[in-house]
Amino acid sequence: MRLFTATLATETNTFSPLPTSLENYRESVFYRPGEHPTDAPRMCTAPLMVGRARAKAEGFELIEGSCFAASPAGTTNRADYEFMRDEILGQLRAALPVDGLLLGLHGAMVAHGYDDVEGDIIERAREIVGPKCVIGVELDPHCHLTLKRLSKSDIIVLYKEFPHTDVVERAEDVLDLVLATLRGRIRPVMSVYDCRQIQSYPTTLQPMRSLVDRLMALEGKDGILSVSIAHCFPYGDVAEIGTRVLVIADGDKKKADALATSLGEELVSLRGKTTPTYLDVKGGVGEGVAFNDLPVVIADPADNAGGGAPSDNTDILKHLIERNVEDACIGPIWDPIAVRLCFDAGLGAKFDLRFGGKIAVTSGTSVDALVEVIGLKRDAWQSFGPTQVPVGNCAAVRVGGVDVVLIDNRTQALGLELFTNLGIDPTQKKIVVVKSTNHFMAAFGPIAKKVIYVDSSGPLKRDPAKIAYTKVERPIWPLDADAQPRGLIF
C-alpha cells in the first residue's frame, strides 16, 4: 500500500495590508521531500508526521512530497501559489501508482485568481490519481468548507479544539479512516449542514466546551466515524464563508444527514452566545489593574497575527504607559527594524527608540520612548502544543513599568516562551497582554487568575457586520439579521 503526503497552507485574510509571497513561506515552513524535521509537526504537517511514525508498523509505504506553509497574512501571489502547487502535483505524478493521499491543508487559503485554493489542489490531485484512490484531508476549523473540496475528497477531518491543541490527534483520525477505507472495513459517506452564520467558537469556553466533548463521544459509535465543525474564517472575503457541520458515517447517508442537521440546528440556536465579552482599551486595562491577584491576562484579538494582522498596533501599550501601569508585559509587537536597533544597541543599553505603529492606519501611531534593552535572543521559538513556532530574533525593552517583546518573525502569542526567552516571567506580572484571539489560552489560560478580552483599533474587527465583504453569499447572519440556515448542502 502506497500513500502520498504533502502540505500547502496558510490562512488568508483578504483584507490584510500584508501580501503573501514565496518568501513568507520560506520564513515559516519550506521543506522538500525528506527535509521535514523529525521532532514535531509544523504548521499543517501533522499528516506527514503521523504517517512517518506508523508506516512501517502498519504495512504501508509513505511517499513524502513538499511541505509549504506561511503565517496568516494577505492573499498569496498567484505565480508563487502555482509554483508550490505544481511542485507538489508533479511529485504526486512521479509517485504513481498510489492508493491514498494524506493532505495537510489549512482551508482558508486564497491566492490571486483562486478563491478556493484547497478545492483547486484537491480537484487537480483527483484528476491525477483517479476515482479509486482514497483522498484524506486534514483542515483547520477556521476554514471555508467548500462544495468542491467535499466532492473531490473521500475523508475530511477538522481540528476540534480552538486553540488548536489536537492537530496530531486529528491527523491520526485521517490516517485511521483512510487505511480502514482502503482495507474495505468502512465505506465513508459525508453530510454537511450549512448554518448560514459567521461566528467565533472558542472551545475553552462554554457552551462550546461541552459541545466538543459531546462530538468526541459520538465518534466510533453507531456508525458515526467523524464529526467536525467548520467555524469559518471571518476575514476571508469568499463566497462560501460560514459555519458548517460535517459528519462522516459508515455507509449510512441518512444517519449522517440526521446528525449533521441536529448539530447544525444547535449551532444556529447559539448565535451570539459563543464569544466572550469584549471591553474597550480603557475599561479592560482598568479592570485588570483593579483585580487583586496576578497575573491578569489581557487578550488583543483585533491585532492577532494569527488572523493576518500586522501585530504592531499600539493602543493597549500606549494606554499602559500613559496610565503608569507597573509590573506589566506585552507581546508580541512585530517590528523587525526596532529589533535590529536593539541588537545594535546591546543588552542593558538605554536609548531613544521608535517602535510599533508602522504598517497601516489600524496599527495606531508609533511609540517614541527612552527604552532599556532587558533581553535579546536570536532564532527564538515558542511552543504551541507539540509544535515549535519560530519568532525569529527578538528583543525585550522596558518602558516605565512595561516590558515589551519585539519580534522580527511575525506571529501571535502562543507559548510562555514568548516572554521567558527574554528573561520575563509572565507568572509574576500583574498584567500580561497577548496579541492573540484564543490560541493563547493553551499556555496562558492555566497561569491566568483572570482573562480579559479587549477590542482595540486593530484591523480584525470583532463584529462581522463591520467587515466590508463583497463576495460573500447572502443572506448570512449577522450581516442579515433574519438569515435562515440553508440546511443540508452535501
Protein backbone atom coordinates (compact mmCIF):
# COMPACT_ATOMS: atom_id res chain seq x y z
CA MET A 1 0.00 0.00 0.00
CA ARG A 2 1.36 3.40 -1.04
CA LEU A 3 0.29 6.72 0.49
CA PHE A 4 1.43 10.17 -0.64
CA THR A 5 1.50 13.16 1.70
CA ALA A 6 2.15 16.89 1.27
CA THR A 7 1.24 20.26 2.80
CA LEU A 8 0.39 23.65 1.31
CA ALA A 9 -1.16 26.01 3.82
CA THR A 10 -1.80 29.49 5.07
CA GLU A 11 -4.78 31.35 6.49
CA THR A 12 -5.58 34.25 4.18
CA ASN A 13 -7.02 37.50 5.45
CA THR A 14 -8.12 39.09 2.18
CA PHE A 15 -8.35 42.47 3.95
CA SER A 16 -4.80 42.33 5.34
CA PRO A 17 -2.32 45.03 4.28
CA LEU A 18 0.40 42.36 4.16
CA PRO A 19 0.73 40.49 0.84
CA THR A 20 1.99 36.89 0.95
CA SER A 21 4.83 35.75 -1.28
CA LEU A 22 7.10 32.73 -1.59
CA GLU A 23 9.50 34.45 0.79
CA ASN A 24 6.87 34.28 3.56
CA TYR A 25 6.66 30.50 3.11
CA ARG A 26 10.46 30.27 3.21
CA GLU A 27 10.38 32.08 6.56
CA SER A 28 7.94 29.57 8.06
CA VAL A 29 7.65 26.06 6.54
CA PHE A 30 9.52 25.23 3.34
CA TYR A 31 10.61 21.60 3.24
CA ARG A 32 11.29 19.47 0.20
CA PRO A 33 10.78 15.67 0.35
CA GLY A 34 12.64 14.17 3.29
CA GLU A 35 13.63 17.53 4.77
CA HIS A 36 10.86 17.84 7.37
CA PRO A 37 12.35 17.73 10.90
CA THR A 38 11.70 14.64 12.98
CA ASP A 39 10.98 16.35 16.30
CA ALA A 40 7.45 17.71 15.86
CA PRO A 41 4.93 18.75 13.20
CA ARG A 42 4.99 22.25 11.81
CA MET A 43 2.02 24.22 10.53
CA CYS A 44 -0.44 21.74 8.95
CA THR A 45 2.18 18.97 8.56
CA ALA A 46 0.75 16.57 11.16
CA PRO A 47 -0.43 14.05 8.49
CA LEU A 48 3.17 13.65 7.35
CA MET A 49 4.47 13.17 10.89
CA VAL A 50 1.75 10.67 11.77
CA GLY A 51 2.31 8.79 8.51
CA ARG A 52 6.04 8.60 9.18
CA ALA A 53 5.51 7.22 12.67
CA ARG A 54 3.08 4.50 11.59
CA ALA A 55 4.13 3.43 8.08
CA LYS A 56 6.45 0.52 8.86
CA ALA A 57 4.38 -0.99 11.66
CA GLU A 58 1.11 -0.74 9.74
CA GLY A 59 2.32 -2.04 6.41
CA PHE A 60 2.27 0.92 4.07
CA GLU A 61 4.87 3.00 2.26
CA LEU A 62 4.76 6.77 2.78
CA ILE A 63 5.92 8.92 -0.12
CA GLU A 64 6.68 12.42 1.12
CA GLY A 65 6.00 15.47 -1.02
CA SER A 66 6.93 19.06 -0.26
CA CYS A 67 5.57 20.99 2.71
CA PHE A 68 4.91 24.72 2.33
CA ALA A 69 3.19 26.91 4.93
CA ALA A 70 3.18 30.61 5.82
CA SER A 71 1.93 32.67 8.74
CA PRO A 72 -1.50 34.21 8.18
CA ALA A 73 -1.49 37.39 6.10
CA GLY A 74 -2.95 38.68 2.84
CA THR A 75 -3.63 36.96 -0.47
CA THR A 76 -0.82 34.79 -1.84
CA ASN A 77 0.91 35.84 -5.05
CA ARG A 78 -0.58 33.82 -7.94
CA ALA A 79 2.71 32.75 -9.51
CA ASP A 80 4.09 31.66 -6.15
CA TYR A 81 0.98 29.60 -5.34
CA GLU A 82 1.08 27.90 -8.73
CA PHE A 83 4.79 27.15 -8.29
CA MET A 84 4.23 25.40 -4.95
CA ARG A 85 1.06 23.63 -6.11
CA ASP A 86 2.63 22.37 -9.32
CA GLU A 87 5.72 21.12 -7.48
CA ILE A 88 3.54 19.00 -5.20
CA LEU A 89 1.37 17.74 -8.06
CA GLY A 90 4.49 16.86 -10.06
CA GLN A 91 5.75 14.84 -7.11
CA LEU A 92 2.38 13.09 -6.94
CA ARG A 93 2.55 12.13 -10.63
CA ALA A 94 6.07 10.78 -10.13
CA ALA A 95 4.87 8.69 -7.17
CA LEU A 96 2.11 6.88 -9.08
CA PRO A 97 0.53 4.48 -8.51
CA VAL A 98 -0.68 5.49 -5.05
CA ASP A 99 -3.57 4.10 -3.05
CA GLY A 100 -4.23 7.10 -0.84
CA LEU A 101 -3.42 10.74 -0.18
CA LEU A 102 -2.84 12.43 3.19
CA LEU A 103 -3.09 16.17 2.60
CA GLY A 104 -2.28 18.68 5.32
CA LEU A 105 -4.06 21.86 4.24
CA HIS A 106 -5.49 24.84 6.12
CA GLY A 107 -8.79 25.51 4.44
CA ALA A 108 -8.81 29.32 4.28
CA MET A 109 -6.01 29.94 1.80
CA VAL A 110 -6.66 32.39 -1.03
CA ALA A 111 -4.35 33.20 -3.94
CA HIS A 112 -4.87 35.77 -6.66
CA GLY A 113 -7.20 34.06 -9.13
CA TYR A 114 -8.03 31.21 -6.69
CA ASP A 115 -10.63 31.88 -4.00
CA ASP A 116 -10.73 28.15 -3.15
CA VAL A 117 -7.09 27.08 -3.14
CA GLU A 118 -7.74 23.83 -1.29
CA GLY A 119 -10.52 22.92 -3.71
CA ASP A 120 -8.15 23.61 -6.60
CA ILE A 121 -5.42 21.39 -5.15
CA ILE A 122 -7.76 18.53 -4.28
CA GLU A 123 -9.51 18.67 -7.65
CA ARG A 124 -6.22 18.54 -9.56
CA ALA A 125 -4.94 15.75 -7.33
CA ARG A 126 -8.12 13.75 -8.04
CA GLU A 127 -7.56 14.13 -11.78
CA ILE A 128 -4.09 12.66 -11.32
CA VAL A 129 -4.86 9.71 -9.03
CA GLY A 130 -8.28 8.72 -10.39
CA PRO A 131 -11.54 7.78 -8.66
CA LYS A 132 -10.35 4.75 -6.69
CA CYS A 133 -7.60 6.49 -4.72
CA VAL A 134 -8.73 7.47 -1.21
CA ILE A 135 -8.12 11.17 -0.55
CA GLY A 136 -7.94 12.13 3.12
CA VAL A 137 -7.60 15.78 4.16
CA GLU A 138 -6.93 17.47 7.49
CA LEU A 139 -8.20 21.06 7.79
CA ASP A 140 -8.21 23.84 10.35
CA PRO A 141 -11.74 24.61 11.64
CA HIS A 142 -11.21 28.23 10.59
CA CYS A 143 -11.74 27.14 7.01
CA HIS A 144 -14.17 27.59 4.16
CA LEU A 145 -15.70 24.12 3.78
CA THR A 146 -16.50 24.39 0.07
CA LEU A 147 -18.55 22.02 -2.03
CA LYS A 148 -15.67 21.49 -4.47
CA ARG A 149 -13.31 20.06 -1.85
CA LEU A 150 -16.12 17.95 -0.39
CA SER A 151 -16.98 16.48 -3.79
CA LYS A 152 -13.37 15.59 -4.64
CA SER A 153 -12.36 14.11 -1.26
CA ASP A 154 -13.29 10.88 0.50
CA ILE A 155 -12.46 11.95 4.06
CA ILE A 156 -12.12 15.42 5.61
CA VAL A 157 -11.35 15.88 9.30
CA LEU A 158 -11.07 19.25 11.06
CA TYR A 159 -9.36 20.01 14.35
CA LYS A 160 -11.99 20.14 17.08
CA GLU A 161 -10.21 22.42 19.52
CA PHE A 162 -9.79 26.19 19.44
CA PRO A 163 -6.98 26.73 20.48
CA HIS A 164 -5.81 24.02 18.07
CA THR A 165 -4.19 21.61 20.51
CA ASP A 166 -5.42 18.45 18.77
CA VAL A 167 -3.74 18.65 15.35
CA VAL A 168 -1.86 15.38 15.82
CA GLU A 169 -4.92 13.51 17.10
CA ARG A 170 -6.99 14.63 14.12
CA ALA A 171 -4.22 13.60 11.72
CA GLU A 172 -4.33 10.19 13.37
CA ASP A 173 -8.08 10.15 12.64
CA VAL A 174 -7.48 10.94 8.97
CA LEU A 175 -4.94 8.14 8.62
CA ASP A 176 -7.16 5.69 10.53
CA LEU A 177 -10.09 6.39 8.20
CA VAL A 178 -8.00 6.27 5.02
CA LEU A 179 -6.48 2.91 5.98
CA ALA A 180 -9.83 1.46 7.06
CA THR A 181 -11.37 2.54 3.76
CA LEU A 182 -8.55 1.05 1.70
CA ARG A 183 -8.84 -2.22 3.60
CA GLY A 184 -12.58 -2.41 2.99
CA ARG A 185 -13.56 -2.08 6.64
CA ILE A 186 -15.60 1.10 6.21
CA ARG A 187 -17.40 3.00 3.44
CA PRO A 188 -17.31 6.67 4.45
CA VAL A 189 -20.13 8.98 3.37
CA MET A 190 -20.14 12.70 4.19
CA SER A 191 -23.02 15.04 5.06
CA VAL A 192 -22.77 18.80 5.53
CA TYR A 193 -25.21 21.26 7.11
CA ASP A 194 -24.87 24.98 6.33
CA CYS A 195 -25.81 27.18 9.31
CA ARG A 196 -25.51 30.44 7.31
CA GLN A 197 -23.69 32.30 10.04
CA ILE A 198 -20.33 33.92 10.75
CA GLN A 199 -19.25 33.49 14.35
CA SER A 200 -16.32 32.65 16.62
CA TYR A 201 -16.38 29.46 18.71
CA PRO A 202 -13.63 29.31 21.38
CA THR A 203 -13.72 25.78 22.75
CA THR A 204 -12.13 26.76 26.06
CA LEU A 205 -15.41 28.47 26.94
CA GLN A 206 -18.95 27.25 27.36
CA PRO A 207 -21.12 26.35 25.56
CA MET A 208 -18.55 25.13 23.02
CA ARG A 209 -16.52 23.17 25.56
CA SER A 210 -19.38 20.80 26.32
CA LEU A 211 -20.40 20.59 22.65
CA VAL A 212 -16.93 19.47 21.57
CA ASP A 213 -16.88 16.89 24.36
CA ARG A 214 -20.17 15.50 23.04
CA LEU A 215 -18.82 15.35 19.48
CA MET A 216 -15.89 13.28 20.70
CA ALA A 217 -18.25 10.90 22.47
CA LEU A 218 -20.33 10.41 19.31
CA GLU A 219 -17.43 9.19 17.19
CA GLY A 220 -16.84 5.48 16.83
CA LYS A 221 -20.38 4.60 17.89
CA ASP A 222 -23.50 3.64 15.95
CA GLY A 223 -21.75 4.00 12.59
CA ILE A 224 -20.54 7.58 13.12
CA LEU A 225 -16.90 7.85 12.04
CA SER A 226 -16.14 11.55 12.43
CA VAL A 227 -17.83 14.84 13.34
CA SER A 228 -16.33 18.25 12.57
CA ILE A 229 -17.44 21.86 12.89
CA ALA A 230 -16.14 24.35 10.35
CA HIS A 231 -16.14 27.54 12.41
CA CYS A 232 -15.32 29.67 9.30
CA PHE A 233 -12.64 32.31 8.90
CA PRO A 234 -14.38 35.70 9.11
CA TYR A 235 -11.57 37.64 7.40
CA GLY A 236 -11.64 35.81 4.08
CA ASP A 237 -13.90 37.50 1.52
CA VAL A 238 -15.00 34.42 -0.41
CA ALA A 239 -18.41 33.15 -1.45
CA GLU A 240 -18.65 30.04 0.74
CA ILE A 241 -17.78 31.59 4.09
CA GLY A 242 -19.73 30.48 7.13
CA THR A 243 -20.27 27.83 9.79
CA ARG A 244 -20.89 24.30 8.51
CA VAL A 245 -21.17 20.92 10.23
CA LEU A 246 -19.53 17.85 8.66
CA VAL A 247 -20.49 14.30 9.64
CA ILE A 248 -18.90 11.15 8.21
CA ALA A 249 -20.84 7.92 8.68
CA ASP A 250 -20.08 4.35 7.67
CA GLY A 251 -22.23 3.82 4.58
CA ASP A 252 -25.40 5.35 6.03
CA LYS A 253 -26.09 8.74 4.43
CA LYS A 254 -29.41 9.18 6.22
CA LYS A 255 -27.73 8.76 9.59
CA ALA A 256 -25.07 11.29 8.65
CA ASP A 257 -27.73 13.70 7.40
CA ALA A 258 -29.72 13.43 10.61
CA LEU A 259 -26.76 14.08 12.91
CA ALA A 260 -25.42 16.95 10.79
CA THR A 261 -28.88 18.54 10.85
CA SER A 262 -29.27 18.14 14.61
CA LEU A 263 -25.86 19.64 15.37
CA GLY A 264 -26.32 22.39 12.80
CA GLU A 265 -29.62 23.43 14.33
CA GLU A 266 -27.95 23.53 17.74
CA LEU A 267 -25.27 25.88 16.44
CA VAL A 268 -27.93 28.11 14.90
CA SER A 269 -29.58 28.34 18.32
CA LEU A 270 -26.23 29.55 19.72
CA ARG A 271 -25.99 32.64 17.52
CA GLY A 272 -24.37 35.42 19.53
CA LYS A 273 -23.77 33.15 22.53
CA THR A 274 -20.33 31.60 21.97
CA THR A 275 -17.99 34.59 22.04
CA PRO A 276 -16.56 36.29 25.14
CA THR A 277 -17.41 39.83 26.22
CA TYR A 278 -15.08 42.46 24.78
CA LEU A 279 -14.14 45.66 26.64
CA ASP A 280 -12.59 48.82 25.26
CA VAL A 281 -8.92 49.50 25.98
CA LYS A 282 -9.54 51.81 28.94
CA GLY A 283 -12.12 49.52 30.50
CA GLY A 284 -10.09 46.34 30.00
CA VAL A 285 -6.87 47.73 31.44
CA GLY A 286 -8.78 49.32 34.31
CA GLU A 287 -10.45 46.04 35.22
CA GLY A 288 -7.12 44.24 35.06
CA VAL A 289 -5.36 46.75 37.32
CA ALA A 290 -8.21 46.63 39.85
CA PHE A 291 -8.15 42.83 40.10
CA ASN A 292 -6.46 41.69 43.31
CA ASP A 293 -4.40 38.75 42.06
CA LEU A 294 -1.81 38.09 39.37
CA PRO A 295 -1.37 37.55 36.57
CA VAL A 296 -4.28 39.09 34.68
CA VAL A 297 -4.06 38.16 31.00
CA ILE A 298 -5.47 40.72 28.56
CA ALA A 299 -6.02 39.49 25.01
CA ASP A 300 -5.86 41.77 21.96
CA PRO A 301 -7.65 39.74 19.25
CA ALA A 302 -8.04 42.71 16.89
CA ASP A 303 -4.27 42.74 16.29
CA ASN A 304 -3.75 39.00 16.09
CA ALA A 305 -1.06 37.96 13.60
CA GLY A 306 -2.78 34.56 13.57
CA GLY A 307 -5.67 36.22 11.73
CA GLY A 308 -3.48 38.17 9.32
CA ALA A 309 -3.00 41.37 11.35
CA PRO A 310 0.43 43.05 11.43
CA SER A 311 0.69 42.73 15.24
CA ASP A 312 2.07 46.24 15.63
CA ASN A 313 -0.98 48.09 16.99
CA THR A 314 -0.01 50.32 19.92
CA ASP A 315 -3.40 51.11 21.55
CA ILE A 316 -3.05 48.97 24.67
CA LEU A 317 0.68 49.60 25.04
CA LYS A 318 0.24 53.37 24.93
CA HIS A 319 -2.55 53.22 27.50
CA LEU A 320 -0.39 51.15 29.85
CA ILE A 321 2.43 53.69 29.55
CA GLU A 322 0.17 56.73 29.93
CA ARG A 323 -1.51 55.21 32.97
CA ASN A 324 1.88 54.37 34.53
CA VAL A 325 0.92 50.73 34.99
CA GLU A 326 3.60 48.75 36.82
CA ASP A 327 4.57 45.08 36.50
CA ALA A 328 3.13 44.69 33.02
CA CYS A 329 4.35 42.97 29.88
CA ILE A 330 3.04 42.88 26.33
CA GLY A 331 3.86 40.87 23.25
CA PRO A 332 4.49 40.34 20.55
CA ILE A 333 4.99 43.64 18.75
CA TRP A 334 6.22 42.90 15.22
CA ASP A 335 8.90 45.41 14.29
CA PRO A 336 12.00 43.97 12.57
CA ILE A 337 13.74 47.34 12.40
CA ALA A 338 13.27 48.00 16.12
CA VAL A 339 14.65 44.51 16.86
CA ARG A 340 17.72 45.23 14.74
CA LEU A 341 18.29 48.51 16.57
CA CYS A 342 18.05 46.79 19.95
CA PHE A 343 20.67 44.22 18.93
CA ASP A 344 22.85 47.04 17.66
CA ALA A 345 22.44 48.89 20.97
CA GLY A 346 23.16 45.80 23.05
CA LEU A 347 21.87 44.29 26.28
CA GLY A 348 21.50 46.87 29.04
CA ALA A 349 21.58 49.83 26.67
CA LYS A 350 19.26 52.79 27.20
CA PHE A 351 18.37 54.73 24.07
CA ASP A 352 15.54 56.51 22.29
CA LEU A 353 13.54 54.04 20.19
CA ARG A 354 10.57 54.42 17.86
CA PHE A 355 8.63 51.18 17.56
CA GLY A 356 5.23 49.77 16.55
CA GLY A 357 2.51 51.58 14.63
CA LYS A 358 4.14 51.17 11.22
CA ILE A 359 2.13 49.08 8.76
CA ALA A 360 -1.33 50.62 8.41
CA VAL A 361 -3.81 53.10 9.87
CA THR A 362 -5.08 50.28 12.07
CA SER A 363 -1.60 49.96 13.58
CA GLY A 364 -2.04 53.19 15.54
CA THR A 365 0.88 55.56 15.92
CA SER A 366 4.44 54.63 16.80
CA VAL A 367 5.71 54.72 20.36
CA ASP A 368 8.63 57.10 20.91
CA ALA A 369 10.32 56.41 24.24
CA LEU A 370 13.57 56.09 26.12
CA VAL A 371 13.87 52.31 26.47
CA GLU A 372 16.18 49.93 28.28
CA VAL A 373 17.12 46.72 26.45
CA ILE A 374 16.48 43.98 29.01
CA GLY A 375 16.62 40.88 26.79
CA LEU A 376 17.93 39.68 23.43
CA LYS A 377 17.65 36.27 21.75
CA ARG A 378 18.31 35.10 18.21
CA ASP A 379 16.37 32.37 16.39
CA ALA A 380 13.88 32.01 19.22
CA TRP A 381 10.73 29.91 19.25
CA GLN A 382 7.59 29.41 21.30
CA SER A 383 5.60 26.24 21.81
CA PHE A 384 2.05 25.57 20.66
CA GLY A 385 1.02 22.11 21.75
CA PRO A 386 3.54 19.73 20.12
CA THR A 387 4.67 22.38 17.64
CA GLN A 388 7.59 24.79 17.86
CA VAL A 389 6.68 28.14 16.29
CA PRO A 390 9.59 30.40 15.29
CA VAL A 391 9.57 34.02 16.44
CA GLY A 392 12.96 34.84 14.91
CA ASN A 393 15.20 37.36 16.56
CA CYS A 394 13.50 39.05 19.50
CA ALA A 395 14.24 41.82 21.95
CA ALA A 396 12.66 42.96 25.19
CA VAL A 397 12.62 46.64 26.09
CA ARG A 398 11.39 48.29 29.27
CA VAL A 399 9.36 51.49 29.15
CA GLY A 400 8.49 52.64 32.66
CA GLY A 401 6.74 49.67 34.27
CA VAL A 402 6.02 47.85 30.98
CA ASP A 403 8.20 45.16 29.39
CA VAL A 404 7.66 44.95 25.63
CA VAL A 405 8.57 41.92 23.48
CA LEU A 406 9.60 42.87 19.93
CA ILE A 407 9.96 40.18 17.24
CA ASP A 408 11.11 40.08 13.63
CA ASN A 409 9.23 36.93 12.52
CA ARG A 410 5.56 37.90 12.69
CA THR A 411 3.41 35.52 14.74
CA GLN A 412 0.85 35.63 17.53
CA ALA A 413 1.29 34.97 21.25
CA LEU A 414 1.16 31.22 21.80
CA GLY A 415 3.59 29.91 24.42
CA LEU A 416 5.10 31.27 27.62
CA GLU A 417 8.49 31.17 25.86
CA LEU A 418 7.47 34.38 24.07
CA PHE A 419 8.35 36.08 27.37
CA THR A 420 10.63 33.62 29.15
CA ASN A 421 13.05 33.58 26.16
CA LEU A 422 13.93 37.10 27.24
CA GLY A 423 14.00 36.63 31.00
CA ILE A 424 10.44 37.83 31.61
CA ASP A 425 8.37 35.65 33.93
CA PRO A 426 4.70 36.18 33.00
CA THR A 427 3.52 34.40 36.16
CA GLN A 428 4.97 37.23 38.23
CA LYS A 429 3.49 40.09 36.25
CA LYS A 430 0.36 41.95 37.26
CA ILE A 431 -0.74 42.45 33.64
CA VAL A 432 0.19 40.22 30.70
CA VAL A 433 -1.06 41.49 27.32
CA VAL A 434 -1.06 38.94 24.49
CA LYS A 435 -1.81 39.62 20.84
CA SER A 436 -3.97 36.59 20.08
CA THR A 437 -7.64 35.67 19.73
CA ASN A 438 -7.82 32.42 21.68
CA HIS A 439 -4.78 30.26 20.90
CA PHE A 440 -3.00 31.92 23.81
CA MET A 441 -5.35 30.07 26.18
CA ALA A 442 -3.47 26.78 25.77
CA ALA A 443 -0.44 28.16 27.63
CA PHE A 444 -1.62 31.36 29.28
CA GLY A 445 -5.05 30.15 30.40
CA PRO A 446 -3.59 27.81 33.07
CA ILE A 447 -1.50 30.61 34.64
CA ALA A 448 -4.12 33.37 34.43
CA LYS A 449 -6.10 34.34 37.50
CA LYS A 450 -8.36 36.33 35.19
CA VAL A 451 -8.66 36.68 31.38
CA ILE A 452 -9.96 39.89 29.82
CA TYR A 453 -10.70 40.37 26.11
CA VAL A 454 -10.13 43.86 24.71
CA ASP A 455 -11.23 45.19 21.31
CA SER A 456 -8.51 47.59 20.19
CA SER A 457 -8.46 49.53 16.91
CA GLY A 458 -6.50 46.71 15.26
CA PRO A 459 -7.66 45.51 11.83
CA LEU A 460 -9.52 42.33 12.89
CA LYS A 461 -12.95 43.74 13.63
CA ARG A 462 -14.77 41.59 16.17
CA ASP A 463 -18.20 42.32 14.64
CA PRO A 464 -18.57 40.66 11.20
CA ALA A 465 -21.26 43.20 10.30
CA LYS A 466 -18.49 45.82 10.20
CA ILE A 467 -16.35 43.90 7.68
CA ALA A 468 -16.56 45.17 4.08
CA TYR A 469 -17.39 41.88 2.31
CA THR A 470 -18.00 41.92 -1.44
CA LYS A 471 -18.09 38.21 -2.40
CA VAL A 472 -19.94 36.51 0.47
CA GLU A 473 -23.14 34.70 -0.46
CA ARG A 474 -26.12 36.43 1.15
CA PRO A 475 -28.15 36.23 3.26
CA ILE A 476 -25.94 35.25 6.18
CA TRP A 477 -26.10 36.12 9.89
CA PRO A 478 -25.17 38.63 11.35
CA LEU A 479 -24.87 40.59 8.11
CA ASP A 480 -28.54 39.77 7.62
CA ALA A 481 -30.35 39.54 10.93
CA ASP A 482 -33.12 37.25 9.61
CA ALA A 483 -30.84 34.83 7.72
CA GLN A 484 -32.11 31.27 7.94
CA PRO A 485 -29.94 28.13 7.87
CA ARG A 486 -29.63 26.58 4.44
CA GLY A 487 -29.68 23.08 5.88
CA LEU A 488 -28.11 20.08 4.17
CA ILE A 489 -25.99 21.03 1.18
CA PHE A 490 -23.98 17.82 0.70
